[in-house]
Amino acid sequence: AGALVTGSASIYAVAVAAWAVNGAGSAILFAAQYSY
């Protein structure tokens, strides 16, 4: 979701916020794989 909204954004602030959502998902994904 973060990637799609970032790529579709027409306003810089929206792109920053959406890419931050991608970062939140990345934190959880990496932690889960590392835990495994």
All heavy atoms as atom14 arrays in JSON, in Angstrom:
{
  "sequence": "AGALVTGSASIYAVAVAAWAVNGAGSAILFAAQYSY",
  "atom14_mask": [
    [1, 1, 1, 1, 1, 0, 0, 0, 0, 0, 0, 0, 0, 0],
    [1, 1, 1, 1, 0, 0, 0, 0, 0, 0, 0, 0, 0, 0],
    [1, 1, 1, 1, 1, 0, 0, 0, 0, 0, 0, 0, 0, 0],
    [1, 1, 1, 1, 1, 1, 1, 1, 0, 0, 0, 0, 0, 0],
    [1, 1, 1, 1, 1, 1, 1, 0, 0, 0, 0, 0, 0, 0],
    [1, 1, 1, 1, 1, 1, 1, 0, 0, 0, 0, 0, 0, 0],
    [1, 1, 1, 1, 0, 0, 0, 0, 0, 0, 0, 0, 0, 0],
    [1, 1, 1, 1, 1, 1, 0, 0, 0, 0, 0, 0, 0, 0],
    [1, 1, 1, 1, 1, 0, 0, 0, 0, 0, 0, 0, 0, 0],
    [1, 1, 1, 1, 1, 1, 0, 0, 0, 0, 0, 0, 0, 0],
    [1, 1, 1, 1, 1, 1, 1, 1, 0, 0, 0, 0, 0, 0],
    [1, 1, 1, 1, 1, 1, 1, 1, 1, 1, 1, 1, 0, 0],
    [1, 1, 1, 1, 1, 0, 0, 0, 0, 0, 0, 0, 0, 0],
    [1, 1, 1, 1, 1, 1, 1, 0, 0, 0, 0, 0, 0, 0],
    [1, 1, 1, 1, 1, 0, 0, 0, 0, 0, 0, 0, 0, 0],
    [1, 1, 1, 1, 1, 1, 1, 0, 0, 0, 0, 0, 0, 0],
    [1, 1, 1, 1, 1, 0, 0, 0, 0, 0, 0, 0, 0, 0],
    [1, 1, 1, 1, 1, 0, 0, 0, 0, 0, 0, 0, 0, 0],
    [1, 1, 1, 1, 1, 1, 1, 1, 1, 1, 1, 1, 1, 1],
    [1, 1, 1, 1, 1, 0, 0, 0, 0, 0, 0, 0, 0, 0],
    [1, 1, 1, 1, 1, 1, 1, 0, 0, 0, 0, 0, 0, 0],
    [1, 1, 1, 1, 1, 1, 1, 1, 0, 0, 0, 0, 0, 0],
    [1, 1, 1, 1, 0, 0, 0, 0, 0, 0, 0, 0, 0, 0],
    [1, 1, 1, 1, 1, 0, 0, 0, 0, 0, 0, 0, 0, 0],
    [1, 1, 1, 1, 0, 0, 0, 0, 0, 0, 0, 0, 0, 0],
    [1, 1, 1, 1, 1, 1, 0, 0, 0, 0, 0, 0, 0, 0],
    [1, 1, 1, 1, 1, 0, 0, 0, 0, 0, 0, 0, 0, 0],
    [1, 1, 1, 1, 1, 1, 1, 1, 0, 0, 0, 0, 0, 0],
    [1, 1, 1, 1, 1, 1, 1, 1, 0, 0, 0, 0, 0, 0],
    [1, 1, 1, 1, 1, 1, 1, 1, 1, 1, 1, 0, 0, 0],
    [1, 1, 1, 1, 1, 0, 0, 0, 0, 0, 0, 0, 0, 0],
    [1, 1, 1, 1, 1, 0, 0, 0, 0, 0, 0, 0, 0, 0],
    [1, 1, 1, 1, 1, 1, 1, 1, 1, 0, 0, 0, 0, 0],
    [1, 1, 1, 1, 1, 1, 1, 1, 1, 1, 1, 1, 0, 0],
    [1, 1, 1, 1, 1, 1, 0, 0, 0, 0, 0, 0, 0, 0],
    [1, 1, 1, 1, 1, 1, 1, 1, 1, 1, 1, 1, 0, 0]
  ],
  "atom14_positions": [
    [[0.83, -1.21, 0.0], [0.0, 0.0, 0.0], [0.86, 1.25, 0.0], [0.59, 2.22, -0.73], [-0.93, -0.01, 1.21], [0.0, 0.0, 0.0], [0.0, 0.0, 0.0], [0.0, 0.0, 0.0], [0.0, 0.0, 0.0], [0.0, 0.0, 0.0], [0.0, 0.0, 0.0], [0.0, 0.0, 0.0], [0.0, 0.0, 0.0], [0.0, 0.0, 0.0]],
    [[1.92, 1.25, 0.81], [2.81, 2.41, 0.86], [3.47, 2.69, -0.47], [3.58, 3.85, -0.9], [0.0, 0.0, 0.0], [0.0, 0.0, 0.0], [0.0, 0.0, 0.0], [0.0, 0.0, 0.0], [0.0, 0.0, 0.0], [0.0, 0.0, 0.0], [0.0, 0.0, 0.0], [0.0, 0.0, 0.0], [0.0, 0.0, 0.0], [0.0, 0.0, 0.0]],
    [[3.9, 1.63, -1.17], [4.56, 1.81, -2.47], [3.6, 2.38, -3.51], [3.96, 3.29, -4.27], [5.14, 0.48, -2.94], [0.0, 0.0, 0.0], [0.0, 0.0, 0.0], [0.0, 0.0, 0.0], [0.0, 0.0, 0.0], [0.0, 0.0, 0.0], [0.0, 0.0, 0.0], [0.0, 0.0, 0.0], [0.0, 0.0, 0.0], [0.0, 0.0, 0.0]],
    [[2.38, 1.84, -3.56], [1.42, 2.32, -4.55], [1.04, 3.77, -4.33], [0.96, 4.56, -5.28], [0.17, 1.44, -4.52], [0.28, 0.07, -5.18], [-1.02, -0.71, -5.02], [0.62, 0.21, -6.66], [0.0, 0.0, 0.0], [0.0, 0.0, 0.0], [0.0, 0.0, 0.0], [0.0, 0.0, 0.0], [0.0, 0.0, 0.0], [0.0, 0.0, 0.0]],
    [[0.81, 4.15, -3.08], [0.42, 5.54, -2.79], [1.59, 6.48, -3.07], [1.41, 7.58, -3.59], [-0.07, 5.68, -1.33], [-0.35, 7.14, -1.01], [-1.33, 4.85, -1.12], [0.0, 0.0, 0.0], [0.0, 0.0, 0.0], [0.0, 0.0, 0.0], [0.0, 0.0, 0.0], [0.0, 0.0, 0.0], [0.0, 0.0, 0.0], [0.0, 0.0, 0.0]],
    [[2.81, 6.04, -2.74], [3.99, 6.87, -3.02], [4.11, 7.13, -4.52], [4.3, 8.27, -4.96], [5.27, 6.2, -2.52], [5.17, 5.96, -1.12], [6.49, 7.08, -2.78], [0.0, 0.0, 0.0], [0.0, 0.0, 0.0], [0.0, 0.0, 0.0], [0.0, 0.0, 0.0], [0.0, 0.0, 0.0], [0.0, 0.0, 0.0], [0.0, 0.0, 0.0]],
    [[3.99, 6.08, -5.31], [4.12, 6.23, -6.76], [3.01, 7.03, -7.39], [3.2, 7.64, -8.45], [0.0, 0.0, 0.0], [0.0, 0.0, 0.0], [0.0, 0.0, 0.0], [0.0, 0.0, 0.0], [0.0, 0.0, 0.0], [0.0, 0.0, 0.0], [0.0, 0.0, 0.0], [0.0, 0.0, 0.0], [0.0, 0.0, 0.0], [0.0, 0.0, 0.0]],
    [[1.84, 7.05, -6.74], [0.69, 7.79, -7.29], [0.6, 9.21, -6.76], [-0.24, 9.99, -7.23], [-0.61, 7.05, -6.92], [-0.58, 5.72, -7.38], [0.0, 0.0, 0.0], [0.0, 0.0, 0.0], [0.0, 0.0, 0.0], [0.0, 0.0, 0.0], [0.0, 0.0, 0.0], [0.0, 0.0, 0.0], [0.0, 0.0, 0.0], [0.0, 0.0, 0.0]],
    [[1.43, 9.56, -5.79], [1.31, 10.86, -5.13], [1.63, 12.02, -6.08], [2.54, 11.93, -6.9], [2.25, 10.92, -3.92], [0.0, 0.0, 0.0], [0.0, 0.0, 0.0], [0.0, 0.0, 0.0], [0.0, 0.0, 0.0], [0.0, 0.0, 0.0], [0.0, 0.0, 0.0], [0.0, 0.0, 0.0], [0.0, 0.0, 0.0], [0.0, 0.0, 0.0]],
    [[0.86, 13.08, -5.94], [1.13, 14.3, -6.7], [1.68, 15.4, -5.8], [2.04, 16.47, -6.27], [-0.15, 14.79, -7.38], [-1.18, 15.02, -6.42], [0.0, 0.0, 0.0], [0.0, 0.0, 0.0], [0.0, 0.0, 0.0], [0.0, 0.0, 0.0], [0.0, 0.0, 0.0], [0.0, 0.0, 0.0], [0.0, 0.0, 0.0], [0.0, 0.0, 0.0]],
    [[1.74, 15.12, -4.5], [2.24, 16.08, -3.51], [3.39, 15.41, -2.76], [3.3, 14.26, -2.33], [1.12, 16.48, -2.51], [-0.04, 17.12, -3.27], [1.66, 17.45, -1.46], [-1.25, 17.39, -2.39], [0.0, 0.0, 0.0], [0.0, 0.0, 0.0], [0.0, 0.0, 0.0], [0.0, 0.0, 0.0], [0.0, 0.0, 0.0], [0.0, 0.0, 0.0]],
    [[4.46, 16.15, -2.59], [5.66, 15.62, -1.94], [5.37, 15.09, -0.55], [5.84, 14.01, -0.18], [6.73, 16.72, -1.89], [7.95, 16.4, -1.06], [8.87, 15.45, -1.46], [8.17, 17.07, 0.15], [10.0, 15.17, -0.71], [9.29, 16.8, 0.91], [10.2, 15.85, 0.49], [11.3, 15.57, 1.24], [0.0, 0.0, 0.0], [0.0, 0.0, 0.0]],
    [[4.6, 15.82, 0.26], [4.31, 15.4, 1.63], [3.6, 14.06, 1.66], [3.84, 13.24, 2.55], [3.49, 16.47, 2.35], [0.0, 0.0, 0.0], [0.0, 0.0, 0.0], [0.0, 0.0, 0.0], [0.0, 0.0, 0.0], [0.0, 0.0, 0.0], [0.0, 0.0, 0.0], [0.0, 0.0, 0.0], [0.0, 0.0, 0.0], [0.0, 0.0, 0.0]],
    [[2.69, 13.83, 0.7], [1.98, 12.56, 0.62], [2.96, 11.43, 0.3], [2.89, 10.34, 0.87], [0.85, 12.62, -0.43], [0.22, 11.24, -0.63], [-0.21, 13.64, -0.02], [0.0, 0.0, 0.0], [0.0, 0.0, 0.0], [0.0, 0.0, 0.0], [0.0, 0.0, 0.0], [0.0, 0.0, 0.0], [0.0, 0.0, 0.0], [0.0, 0.0, 0.0]],
    [[3.89, 11.69, -0.61], [4.9, 10.68, -0.96], [5.75, 10.32, 0.24], [6.04, 9.14, 0.49], [5.77, 11.19, -2.11], [0.0, 0.0, 0.0], [0.0, 0.0, 0.0], [0.0, 0.0, 0.0], [0.0, 0.0, 0.0], [0.0, 0.0, 0.0], [0.0, 0.0, 0.0], [0.0, 0.0, 0.0], [0.0, 0.0, 0.0], [0.0, 0.0, 0.0]],
    [[6.16, 11.33, 1.02], [6.96, 11.08, 2.22], [6.2, 10.22, 3.22], [6.72, 9.25, 3.77], [7.4, 12.41, 2.86], [8.07, 12.16, 4.22], [8.37, 13.15, 1.95], [0.0, 0.0, 0.0], [0.0, 0.0, 0.0], [0.0, 0.0, 0.0], [0.0, 0.0, 0.0], [0.0, 0.0, 0.0], [0.0, 0.0, 0.0], [0.0, 0.0, 0.0]],
    [[4.92, 10.59, 3.46], [4.11, 9.85, 4.42], [3.86, 8.41, 3.96], [3.94, 7.47, 4.76], [2.78, 10.57, 4.65], [0.0, 0.0, 0.0], [0.0, 0.0, 0.0], [0.0, 0.0, 0.0], [0.0, 0.0, 0.0], [0.0, 0.0, 0.0], [0.0, 0.0, 0.0], [0.0, 0.0, 0.0], [0.0, 0.0, 0.0], [0.0, 0.0, 0.0]],
    [[3.57, 8.24, 2.68], [3.29, 6.89, 2.16], [4.54, 6.01, 2.19], [4.46, 4.82, 2.51], [2.74, 6.99, 0.74], [0.0, 0.0, 0.0], [0.0, 0.0, 0.0], [0.0, 0.0, 0.0], [0.0, 0.0, 0.0], [0.0, 0.0, 0.0], [0.0, 0.0, 0.0], [0.0, 0.0, 0.0], [0.0, 0.0, 0.0], [0.0, 0.0, 0.0]],
    [[5.7, 6.6, 1.87], [6.92, 5.82, 1.92], [7.27, 5.44, 3.35], [7.88, 4.4, 3.6], [8.05, 6.57, 1.24], [9.25, 5.73, 0.95], [10.52, 5.93, 1.36], [9.29, 4.53, 0.16], [11.36, 4.94, 0.9], [10.63, 4.06, 0.16], [8.32, 3.81, -0.54], [11.01, 2.91, -0.52], [8.71, 2.65, -1.21], [10.04, 2.21, -1.2]],
    [[6.87, 6.28, 4.31], [7.05, 5.94, 5.72], [6.2, 4.73, 6.1], [6.61, 3.91, 6.94], [6.71, 7.13, 6.6], [0.0, 0.0, 0.0], [0.0, 0.0, 0.0], [0.0, 0.0, 0.0], [0.0, 0.0, 0.0], [0.0, 0.0, 0.0], [0.0, 0.0, 0.0], [0.0, 0.0, 0.0], [0.0, 0.0, 0.0], [0.0, 0.0, 0.0]],
    [[5.01, 4.59, 5.51], [4.18, 3.41, 5.74], [4.9, 2.16, 5.25], [4.89, 1.11, 5.9], [2.81, 3.56, 5.04], [2.03, 2.25, 5.09], [2.0, 4.67, 5.68], [0.0, 0.0, 0.0], [0.0, 0.0, 0.0], [0.0, 0.0, 0.0], [0.0, 0.0, 0.0], [0.0, 0.0, 0.0], [0.0, 0.0, 0.0], [0.0, 0.0, 0.0]],
    [[5.55, 2.28, 4.11], [6.35, 1.16, 3.61], [7.45, 0.81, 4.61], [7.74, -0.37, 4.85], [6.97, 1.54, 2.26], [7.64, 0.37, 1.57], [8.77, 0.02, 1.91], [6.95, -0.22, 0.61], [0.0, 0.0, 0.0], [0.0, 0.0, 0.0], [0.0, 0.0, 0.0], [0.0, 0.0, 0.0], [0.0, 0.0, 0.0], [0.0, 0.0, 0.0]],
    [[8.04, 1.83, 5.24], [9.07, 1.59, 6.25], [8.54, 0.85, 7.46], [9.23, -0.03, 8.02], [0.0, 0.0, 0.0], [0.0, 0.0, 0.0], [0.0, 0.0, 0.0], [0.0, 0.0, 0.0], [0.0, 0.0, 0.0], [0.0, 0.0, 0.0], [0.0, 0.0, 0.0], [0.0, 0.0, 0.0], [0.0, 0.0, 0.0], [0.0, 0.0, 0.0]],
    [[7.31, 1.18, 7.89], [6.7, 0.48, 9.02], [6.53, -1.01, 8.71], [6.85, -1.88, 9.53], [5.35, 1.11, 9.36], [0.0, 0.0, 0.0], [0.0, 0.0, 0.0], [0.0, 0.0, 0.0], [0.0, 0.0, 0.0], [0.0, 0.0, 0.0], [0.0, 0.0, 0.0], [0.0, 0.0, 0.0], [0.0, 0.0, 0.0], [0.0, 0.0, 0.0]],
    [[6.04, -1.3, 7.51], [5.91, -2.7, 7.12], [7.24, -3.4, 7.03], [7.38, -4.57, 7.42], [0.0, 0.0, 0.0], [0.0, 0.0, 0.0], [0.0, 0.0, 0.0], [0.0, 0.0, 0.0], [0.0, 0.0, 0.0], [0.0, 0.0, 0.0], [0.0, 0.0, 0.0], [0.0, 0.0, 0.0], [0.0, 0.0, 0.0], [0.0, 0.0, 0.0]],
    [[8.26, -2.68, 6.55], [9.59, -3.25, 6.44], [10.14, -3.64, 7.81], [10.79, -4.69, 7.95], [10.53, -2.24, 5.77], [11.85, -2.7, 5.74], [0.0, 0.0, 0.0], [0.0, 0.0, 0.0], [0.0, 0.0, 0.0], [0.0, 0.0, 0.0], [0.0, 0.0, 0.0], [0.0, 0.0, 0.0], [0.0, 0.0, 0.0], [0.0, 0.0, 0.0]],
    [[9.89, -2.81, 8.83], [10.37, -3.11, 10.18], [9.8, -4.43, 10.68], [10.51, -5.28, 11.24], [9.99, -1.98, 11.14], [0.0, 0.0, 0.0], [0.0, 0.0, 0.0], [0.0, 0.0, 0.0], [0.0, 0.0, 0.0], [0.0, 0.0, 0.0], [0.0, 0.0, 0.0], [0.0, 0.0, 0.0], [0.0, 0.0, 0.0], [0.0, 0.0, 0.0]],
    [[8.51, -4.63, 10.48], [7.85, -5.85, 10.95], [8.3, -7.06, 10.13], [8.57, -8.13, 10.68], [6.32, -5.68, 10.89], [5.88, -4.53, 11.82], [5.62, -6.98, 11.28], [4.42, -4.17, 11.69], [0.0, 0.0, 0.0], [0.0, 0.0, 0.0], [0.0, 0.0, 0.0], [0.0, 0.0, 0.0], [0.0, 0.0, 0.0], [0.0, 0.0, 0.0]],
    [[8.38, -6.89, 8.81], [8.79, -8.01, 7.96], [10.2, -8.48, 8.3], [10.45, -9.68, 8.46], [8.72, -7.59, 6.49], [9.16, -8.65, 5.49], [8.22, -9.85, 5.5], [9.26, -8.06, 4.08], [0.0, 0.0, 0.0], [0.0, 0.0, 0.0], [0.0, 0.0, 0.0], [0.0, 0.0, 0.0], [0.0, 0.0, 0.0], [0.0, 0.0, 0.0]],
    [[11.14, -7.53, 8.41], [12.52, -7.9, 8.68], [12.65, -8.56, 10.05], [13.37, -9.55, 10.21], [13.42, -6.66, 8.6], [14.89, -6.99, 8.68], [15.59, -7.33, 7.55], [15.56, -6.95, 9.88], [16.95, -7.64, 7.61], [16.91, -7.24, 9.96], [17.6, -7.59, 8.83], [0.0, 0.0, 0.0], [0.0, 0.0, 0.0], [0.0, 0.0, 0.0]],
    [[11.93, -8.02, 11.03], [11.99, -8.61, 12.37], [11.44, -10.04, 12.37], [11.98, -10.92, 13.03], [11.2, -7.74, 13.35], [0.0, 0.0, 0.0], [0.0, 0.0, 0.0], [0.0, 0.0, 0.0], [0.0, 0.0, 0.0], [0.0, 0.0, 0.0], [0.0, 0.0, 0.0], [0.0, 0.0, 0.0], [0.0, 0.0, 0.0], [0.0, 0.0, 0.0]],
    [[10.37, -10.28, 11.62], [9.78, -11.61, 11.56], [10.73, -12.61, 10.91], [10.9, -13.74, 11.39], [8.46, -11.56, 10.8], [0.0, 0.0, 0.0], [0.0, 0.0, 0.0], [0.0, 0.0, 0.0], [0.0, 0.0, 0.0], [0.0, 0.0, 0.0], [0.0, 0.0, 0.0], [0.0, 0.0, 0.0], [0.0, 0.0, 0.0], [0.0, 0.0, 0.0]],
    [[11.38, -12.2, 9.82], [12.31, -13.1, 9.16], [13.54, -13.36, 10.02], [14.05, -14.48, 10.1], [12.72, -12.5, 7.8], [11.57, -12.47, 6.8], [12.0, -11.93, 5.46], [12.87, -11.06, 5.36], [11.39, -12.42, 4.39], [0.0, 0.0, 0.0], [0.0, 0.0, 0.0], [0.0, 0.0, 0.0], [0.0, 0.0, 0.0], [0.0, 0.0, 0.0]],
    [[14.0, -12.31, 10.68], [15.16, -12.45, 11.56], [14.82, -13.38, 12.73], [15.61, -14.24, 13.12], [15.56, -11.07, 12.09], [17.04, -10.95, 12.39], [17.87, -10.24, 11.55], [17.58, -11.56, 13.5], [19.22, -10.12, 11.83], [18.92, -11.46, 13.79], [19.73, -10.74, 12.94], [21.07, -10.65, 13.21], [0.0, 0.0, 0.0], [0.0, 0.0, 0.0]],
    [[13.62, -13.2, 13.3], [13.19, -14.04, 14.41], [13.15, -15.51, 14.0], [13.55, -16.4, 14.75], [11.8, -13.58, 14.89], [11.31, -14.42, 15.9], [0.0, 0.0, 0.0], [0.0, 0.0, 0.0], [0.0, 0.0, 0.0], [0.0, 0.0, 0.0], [0.0, 0.0, 0.0], [0.0, 0.0, 0.0], [0.0, 0.0, 0.0], [0.0, 0.0, 0.0]],
    [[12.68, -15.75, 12.79], [12.62, -17.12, 12.28], [14.02, -17.75, 12.24], [14.24, -18.86, 12.71], [11.99, -17.11, 10.89], [11.74, -18.49, 10.32], [10.5, -19.1, 10.42], [12.75, -19.21, 9.68], [10.26, -20.36, 9.91], [12.54, -20.47, 9.17], [11.29, -21.04, 9.28], [11.07, -22.29, 8.79], [0.0, 0.0, 0.0], [0.0, 0.0, 0.0]]
  ]
}
